Amino acid sequence: MVPSRNIYEQQNHNKWMTRVIMLGFILFLGFLGFGFDYFYLGIFENDFYLPIGTIIAVVVGTIMAVSSLESGAKSVLRSTGATQADPNNPTHQQLINVVEEMSIASGMPKPQVFVVPDLDPNAFATGKDPEHSYVAVTQGLLDTLNREELQGVIAHEMSHVRNYDIRLMTVVAAFVGAIVLLSDSGRRGARFGGLSGRGNKSRSSGLGGVFLILWLIGIVLAPLIAQLMAMMVSRRREYLADASGAELTRNPLGLASALQKLDKASAATESIKRGSAHLCIVDPLGRSINSKEGFAAELFGTHPPIEKRVLALDAMAYQYKTTTTSA
């Protein structure tokens, strides 16, 4: 699939989607809070009602949404065990040099550079904007790629920074973890006393029964919906980042060669958790769905097929091949 947006359209889309997802997260917490008011405090049974749970949930959701934008990147880095690149380490110094080169080529501030102590080759970028961005690669990537291939990978990640993909993907990663945690707490509350006590009259009504079902469905399905949200952050962003990265290096074959090496790596990137998988240049979980196309792949896959990405990069270098990607 050829990217249908240019860089500026992608930037605007990502900024708009970030606001939409933040608002959706706040509304979801408000929904959970309203359920607390309804089932614990007995809404509609008193003449005066102060929606304590709803107010607290919305306030907490707003704080968490802003916090995810401001500090979500550091949370992602901590979760992977990443440490800042050491200039005294020759391979780390080469990485730092390449990042500096790509920063000059892109005209952006130099991101902070981190290394993840994982032997599987992978890389990701995170942050809220080009002025507050981070690029992280695994030790396995440094051990696997030559300098030309490393340039291609870093240029790809710098393109995610330039396109504001990092803002959207970092917020989504933060919310996935938060929603799973909150949903788990909600299920425990519903199981141990959440549906007893005050509010029996309102819950026995038809309206109460319908809301109870919706509330329970929301709690149970929230983690799945959050995971789908992370997966559905358009796969097309990778095609655009590949093309933009090749533009920065003037060498599409370097990135193509790197992707082929990453594709051959058999082990999963254990340091990257499921909620952050969409941040990486290739799927750290090694799921077969990412090698396919079609509706299911668009719904559940986080990355487009590497074979098609390589073909697109080869075409940029006027080397045309055929594809055998499965549907």
Protein backbone atom coordinates (compact mmCIF):
# COMPACT_ATOMS: atom_id res chain seq x y z
CA MET A 1 0.00 0.00 0.00
CA VAL A 2 1.37 3.37 -0.98
CA PRO A 3 1.03 6.08 1.70
CA SER A 4 -1.92 8.33 0.91
CA ARG A 5 -0.76 11.24 3.06
CA ASN A 6 2.25 13.47 2.70
CA ILE A 7 4.39 14.47 5.68
CA TYR A 8 2.37 17.58 6.56
CA GLU A 9 -0.95 15.79 6.28
CA GLN A 10 0.41 13.03 8.50
CA GLN A 11 1.56 15.57 11.09
CA ASN A 12 -1.88 17.18 11.22
CA HIS A 13 -3.60 13.79 11.34
CA ASN A 14 -1.42 12.60 14.23
CA LYS A 15 -1.97 15.78 16.24
CA TRP A 16 -5.75 15.50 15.72
CA MET A 17 -5.82 11.76 16.56
CA THR A 18 -3.80 12.38 19.73
CA ARG A 19 -6.46 14.82 20.97
CA VAL A 20 -9.27 12.41 20.03
CA ILE A 21 -7.67 9.48 21.87
CA MET A 22 -6.94 11.60 24.95
CA LEU A 23 -10.57 12.74 25.03
CA GLY A 24 -11.76 9.15 24.54
CA PHE A 25 -9.62 8.02 27.46
CA ILE A 26 -11.08 10.72 29.72
CA LEU A 27 -14.62 9.78 28.68
CA PHE A 28 -13.91 6.10 29.35
CA LEU A 29 -12.75 6.89 32.89
CA GLY A 30 -15.83 9.08 33.32
CA PHE A 31 -17.95 6.10 32.27
CA LEU A 32 -16.26 3.90 34.89
CA GLY A 33 -16.74 6.63 37.50
CA PHE A 34 -20.43 6.98 36.63
CA GLY A 35 -20.80 3.23 37.05
CA PHE A 36 -19.31 3.56 40.53
CA ASP A 37 -21.82 6.31 41.38
CA TYR A 38 -24.69 4.29 39.98
CA PHE A 39 -23.94 0.96 41.62
CA TYR A 40 -22.20 2.03 44.82
CA LEU A 41 -23.90 5.33 45.70
CA GLY A 42 -27.36 4.71 44.23
CA ILE A 43 -27.90 7.44 41.65
CA PHE A 44 -31.53 8.60 41.18
CA GLU A 45 -32.51 7.42 44.67
CA ASN A 46 -31.82 10.73 46.40
CA ASP A 47 -33.15 14.23 45.75
CA PHE A 48 -29.63 15.63 45.84
CA TYR A 49 -26.91 13.79 44.03
CA LEU A 50 -23.25 14.71 43.74
CA PRO A 51 -21.50 12.47 41.15
CA ILE A 52 -18.39 11.99 43.25
CA GLY A 53 -17.07 9.01 41.34
CA THR A 54 -17.64 10.61 37.95
CA ILE A 55 -15.96 13.87 38.95
CA ILE A 56 -12.95 12.10 40.44
CA ALA A 57 -12.64 9.80 37.40
CA VAL A 58 -12.74 12.70 34.93
CA VAL A 59 -10.20 14.72 36.93
CA VAL A 60 -7.89 11.71 37.26
CA GLY A 61 -8.35 10.90 33.57
CA THR A 62 -7.44 14.44 32.60
CA ILE A 63 -4.32 14.36 34.79
CA MET A 64 -3.31 10.98 33.36
CA ALA A 65 -3.90 12.19 29.79
CA VAL A 66 -1.69 15.23 30.27
CA SER A 67 0.89 13.15 32.14
CA SER A 68 1.00 10.58 29.33
CA LEU A 69 1.86 13.35 26.90
CA GLU A 70 4.50 14.87 29.16
CA SER A 71 6.14 11.78 30.67
CA GLY A 72 4.84 8.83 28.66
CA ALA A 73 8.09 8.57 26.72
CA LYS A 74 10.18 8.16 29.86
CA SER A 75 7.75 5.51 31.11
CA VAL A 76 8.18 3.58 27.87
CA LEU A 77 11.98 3.79 28.12
CA ARG A 78 11.91 2.63 31.75
CA SER A 79 9.70 -0.33 30.85
CA THR A 80 12.30 -1.55 28.32
CA GLY A 81 15.28 -1.13 30.64
CA ALA A 82 16.87 1.35 28.21
CA THR A 83 19.90 3.36 29.28
CA GLN A 84 21.53 6.35 27.61
CA ALA A 85 24.12 5.53 24.97
CA ASP A 86 27.66 5.55 26.36
CA PRO A 87 30.12 7.63 24.27
CA ASN A 88 32.97 5.53 25.65
CA ASN A 89 31.50 2.44 24.01
CA PRO A 90 32.60 2.32 20.32
CA THR A 91 29.31 0.86 19.03
CA HIS A 92 27.31 3.36 21.08
CA GLN A 93 29.49 6.21 19.78
CA GLN A 94 28.79 5.14 16.21
CA LEU A 95 25.07 5.18 17.01
CA ILE A 96 25.37 8.68 18.47
CA ASN A 97 27.25 9.86 15.39
CA VAL A 98 24.59 8.45 13.06
CA VAL A 99 21.80 10.11 15.07
CA GLU A 100 23.64 13.43 14.84
CA GLU A 101 24.03 13.00 11.07
CA MET A 102 20.32 12.28 10.60
CA SER A 103 19.39 15.20 12.83
CA ILE A 104 21.39 17.53 10.57
CA ALA A 105 19.89 15.95 7.44
CA SER A 106 16.34 16.34 8.78
CA GLY A 107 16.88 19.82 10.23
CA MET A 108 15.54 18.70 13.62
CA PRO A 109 16.98 18.82 17.12
CA LYS A 110 19.07 15.79 18.06
CA PRO A 111 16.99 13.25 20.04
CA GLN A 112 18.36 11.69 23.20
CA VAL A 113 19.88 8.31 22.34
CA PHE A 114 19.20 5.13 24.33
CA VAL A 115 20.21 1.48 24.08
CA VAL A 116 17.96 -1.39 25.18
CA PRO A 117 19.84 -4.42 26.59
CA ASP A 118 18.10 -6.94 24.35
CA LEU A 119 19.82 -9.23 21.84
CA ASP A 120 16.94 -9.15 19.34
CA PRO A 121 17.47 -6.38 16.73
CA ASN A 122 14.83 -3.65 16.93
CA ALA A 123 14.43 0.11 17.36
CA PHE A 124 11.82 2.70 18.26
CA ALA A 125 11.33 6.42 18.76
CA THR A 126 9.18 8.05 21.41
CA GLY A 127 8.43 11.51 22.81
CA LYS A 128 5.87 14.29 22.42
CA ASP A 129 7.51 16.40 19.69
CA PRO A 130 10.86 16.88 17.91
CA GLU A 131 12.13 19.05 20.78
CA HIS A 132 11.37 16.28 23.33
CA SER A 133 12.18 13.06 21.51
CA TYR A 134 14.11 9.86 22.15
CA VAL A 135 15.53 7.21 19.83
CA ALA A 136 16.24 3.78 21.27
CA VAL A 137 17.82 0.74 19.63
CA THR A 138 18.52 -2.69 21.03
CA GLN A 139 22.04 -3.98 21.55
CA GLY A 140 21.11 -6.71 19.11
CA LEU A 141 20.50 -4.11 16.41
CA LEU A 142 23.95 -2.59 16.97
CA ASP A 143 25.50 -6.06 16.77
CA THR A 144 23.59 -7.02 13.61
CA LEU A 145 23.65 -4.01 11.28
CA ASN A 146 26.49 -2.28 9.47
CA ARG A 147 26.76 1.50 9.47
CA GLU A 148 24.81 1.98 6.24
CA GLU A 149 21.92 -0.14 7.53
CA LEU A 150 22.01 1.61 10.89
CA GLN A 151 21.67 4.94 9.07
CA GLY A 152 18.54 3.65 7.36
CA VAL A 153 16.96 2.56 10.65
CA ILE A 154 17.79 5.81 12.43
CA ALA A 155 16.47 7.84 9.48
CA HIS A 156 13.24 5.83 9.69
CA GLU A 157 12.91 6.61 13.41
CA MET A 158 13.75 10.28 12.84
CA SER A 159 10.93 10.35 10.29
CA HIS A 160 8.53 9.15 12.99
CA VAL A 161 9.73 12.11 15.06
CA ARG A 162 9.29 14.56 12.19
CA ASN A 163 5.84 13.19 11.31
CA TYR A 164 4.65 13.43 14.95
CA ASP A 165 3.96 9.68 14.92
CA ILE A 166 5.81 9.56 18.24
CA ARG A 167 3.23 11.75 19.99
CA LEU A 168 0.31 9.59 18.96
CA MET A 169 2.06 6.25 19.50
CA THR A 170 3.47 7.24 22.91
CA VAL A 171 0.07 8.38 24.20
CA VAL A 172 -1.51 5.15 22.96
CA ALA A 173 1.19 3.07 24.67
CA ALA A 174 0.60 4.89 27.97
CA PHE A 175 -3.18 4.50 27.75
CA VAL A 176 -3.05 0.79 26.93
CA GLY A 177 -1.26 0.08 30.20
CA ALA A 178 -3.53 2.40 32.20
CA ILE A 179 -6.75 0.96 30.76
CA VAL A 180 -5.67 -2.62 31.45
CA LEU A 181 -4.89 -1.69 35.07
CA LEU A 182 -8.14 0.24 35.58
CA SER A 183 -10.23 -2.45 33.95
CA ASP A 184 -8.70 -5.07 36.23
CA SER A 185 -9.53 -2.92 39.27
CA GLY A 186 -13.08 -2.43 38.01
CA ARG A 187 -13.60 -6.17 37.57
CA ARG A 188 -12.41 -6.84 41.11
CA GLY A 189 -14.73 -4.14 42.47
CA ALA A 190 -17.71 -5.58 40.60
CA ARG A 191 -16.88 -9.08 41.84
CA PHE A 192 -16.37 -8.20 45.50
CA GLY A 193 -19.33 -6.10 46.56
CA GLY A 194 -19.58 -3.61 43.73
CA LEU A 195 -23.06 -4.78 42.83
CA SER A 196 -24.49 -4.93 46.34
CA GLY A 197 -25.44 -2.32 48.88
CA ARG A 198 -27.03 0.97 47.84
CA GLY A 199 -28.84 1.49 44.59
CA ASN A 200 -30.83 -1.78 44.54
CA LYS A 201 -34.01 -0.07 43.42
CA SER A 202 -32.45 1.73 40.47
CA ARG A 203 -30.50 -1.34 39.45
CA SER A 204 -33.65 -3.46 39.43
CA SER A 205 -35.24 -1.21 36.81
CA GLY A 206 -34.96 -1.87 33.09
CA LEU A 207 -32.65 1.11 32.68
CA GLY A 208 -30.47 -0.12 35.50
CA GLY A 209 -30.21 -3.58 33.98
CA VAL A 210 -29.20 -2.20 30.59
CA PHE A 211 -26.58 0.09 32.11
CA LEU A 212 -25.25 -2.75 34.25
CA ILE A 213 -24.69 -4.86 31.14
CA LEU A 214 -23.00 -1.99 29.29
CA TRP A 215 -20.80 -1.18 32.28
CA LEU A 216 -19.68 -4.77 32.71
CA ILE A 217 -19.04 -5.13 28.97
CA GLY A 218 -16.99 -1.93 29.07
CA ILE A 219 -14.88 -3.21 31.97
CA VAL A 220 -14.34 -6.67 30.49
CA LEU A 221 -13.63 -5.55 26.91
CA ALA A 222 -11.60 -2.42 27.73
CA PRO A 223 -8.18 -4.18 27.58
CA LEU A 224 -9.05 -5.75 24.23
CA ILE A 225 -10.30 -2.43 22.85
CA ALA A 226 -7.12 -0.72 24.08
CA GLN A 227 -4.96 -3.33 22.35
CA LEU A 228 -6.96 -2.95 19.13
CA MET A 229 -6.51 0.81 19.38
CA ALA A 230 -2.74 0.35 19.54
CA MET A 231 -2.83 -2.03 16.58
CA MET A 232 -5.06 0.22 14.50
CA VAL A 233 -2.69 3.20 14.65
CA SER A 234 -2.43 3.10 10.89
CA ARG A 235 0.08 0.65 9.43
CA ARG A 236 0.60 3.22 6.66
CA ARG A 237 2.74 5.27 9.03
CA GLU A 238 5.54 2.73 8.47
CA TYR A 239 5.45 3.11 4.69
CA LEU A 240 5.67 6.88 5.03
CA ALA A 241 8.49 6.64 7.59
CA ASP A 242 10.37 4.24 5.28
CA ALA A 243 10.02 6.65 2.36
CA SER A 244 10.94 9.69 4.47
CA GLY A 245 13.92 7.85 5.94
CA ALA A 246 15.16 6.88 2.49
CA GLU A 247 14.84 10.54 1.51
CA LEU A 248 17.09 11.55 4.41
CA THR A 249 19.84 9.02 3.63
CA ARG A 250 19.44 9.09 -0.18
CA ASN A 251 19.94 5.32 0.13
CA PRO A 252 16.72 3.27 0.21
CA LEU A 253 18.67 0.02 -0.14
CA GLY A 254 20.37 0.56 3.23
CA LEU A 255 17.02 0.49 5.05
CA ALA A 256 15.78 -2.35 2.83
CA SER A 257 18.81 -4.45 3.80
CA ALA A 258 18.27 -3.62 7.49
CA LEU A 259 14.60 -4.66 7.33
CA GLN A 260 15.55 -7.97 5.74
CA LYS A 261 18.03 -8.67 8.55
CA LEU A 262 15.43 -7.73 11.17
CA ASP A 263 12.91 -9.99 9.49
CA LYS A 264 15.27 -12.97 9.75
CA ALA A 265 15.70 -12.55 13.51
CA SER A 266 13.78 -15.44 15.06
CA ALA A 267 13.53 -14.39 18.72
CA ALA A 268 11.00 -11.93 20.14
CA THR A 269 12.21 -8.63 21.58
CA GLU A 270 11.45 -9.57 25.18
CA SER A 271 12.19 -6.09 26.57
CA ILE A 272 9.34 -4.57 24.53
CA LYS A 273 5.94 -5.15 26.08
CA ARG A 274 2.78 -5.78 24.05
CA GLY A 275 1.39 -2.30 24.75
CA SER A 276 4.49 -0.71 23.18
CA ALA A 277 4.83 -3.06 20.19
CA HIS A 278 3.44 -0.50 17.75
CA LEU A 279 6.36 1.83 18.52
CA CYS A 280 8.98 -0.47 17.00
CA ILE A 281 10.34 -0.54 13.46
CA VAL A 282 9.34 -4.23 13.23
CA ASP A 283 6.91 -6.19 15.37
CA PRO A 284 8.80 -7.17 18.55
CA LEU A 285 6.37 -10.02 19.20
CA GLY A 286 6.94 -11.75 15.86
CA ARG A 287 3.21 -12.23 15.13
CA SER A 288 2.37 -13.84 11.80
CA ILE A 289 -0.54 -11.42 11.25
CA ASN A 290 1.99 -8.73 10.36
CA SER A 291 3.14 -10.73 7.34
CA LYS A 292 -0.36 -10.67 5.86
CA GLU A 293 -2.70 -8.17 4.25
CA GLY A 294 -6.45 -7.79 4.17
CA PHE A 295 -9.11 -6.76 6.71
CA ALA A 296 -7.91 -8.96 9.58
CA ALA A 297 -4.33 -7.80 9.15
CA GLU A 298 -5.40 -4.14 9.08
CA LEU A 299 -7.45 -4.70 12.24
CA PHE A 300 -5.02 -6.77 14.29
CA GLY A 301 -1.60 -6.03 12.78
CA THR A 302 0.72 -3.30 14.03
CA HIS A 303 3.07 -3.28 11.02
CA PRO A 304 2.76 -3.86 7.27
CA PRO A 305 4.50 -6.90 5.75
CA ILE A 306 8.26 -6.40 5.67
CA GLU A 307 8.39 -7.92 2.21
CA LYS A 308 6.15 -5.17 0.84
CA ARG A 309 8.16 -2.49 2.65
CA VAL A 310 11.35 -3.85 1.08
CA LEU A 311 9.72 -3.92 -2.36
CA ALA A 312 8.70 -0.27 -2.00
CA LEU A 313 12.25 0.69 -0.99
CA ASP A 314 13.70 -1.33 -3.86
CA ALA A 315 11.39 0.52 -6.25
CA MET A 316 12.75 3.83 -4.94
CA ALA A 317 16.18 2.55 -6.01
CA TYR A 318 14.73 1.38 -9.37
CA GLN A 319 15.12 -2.28 -8.47
CA TYR A 320 11.77 -3.94 -9.20
CA LYS A 321 10.81 -7.39 -7.89
CA THR A 322 7.60 -9.35 -7.39
CA THR A 323 5.88 -10.09 -4.09
CA THR A 324 4.48 -13.32 -2.66
CA THR A 325 2.88 -11.82 0.45
CA SER A 326 -0.04 -13.94 1.67
CA ALA A 327 -3.53 -12.56 2.10
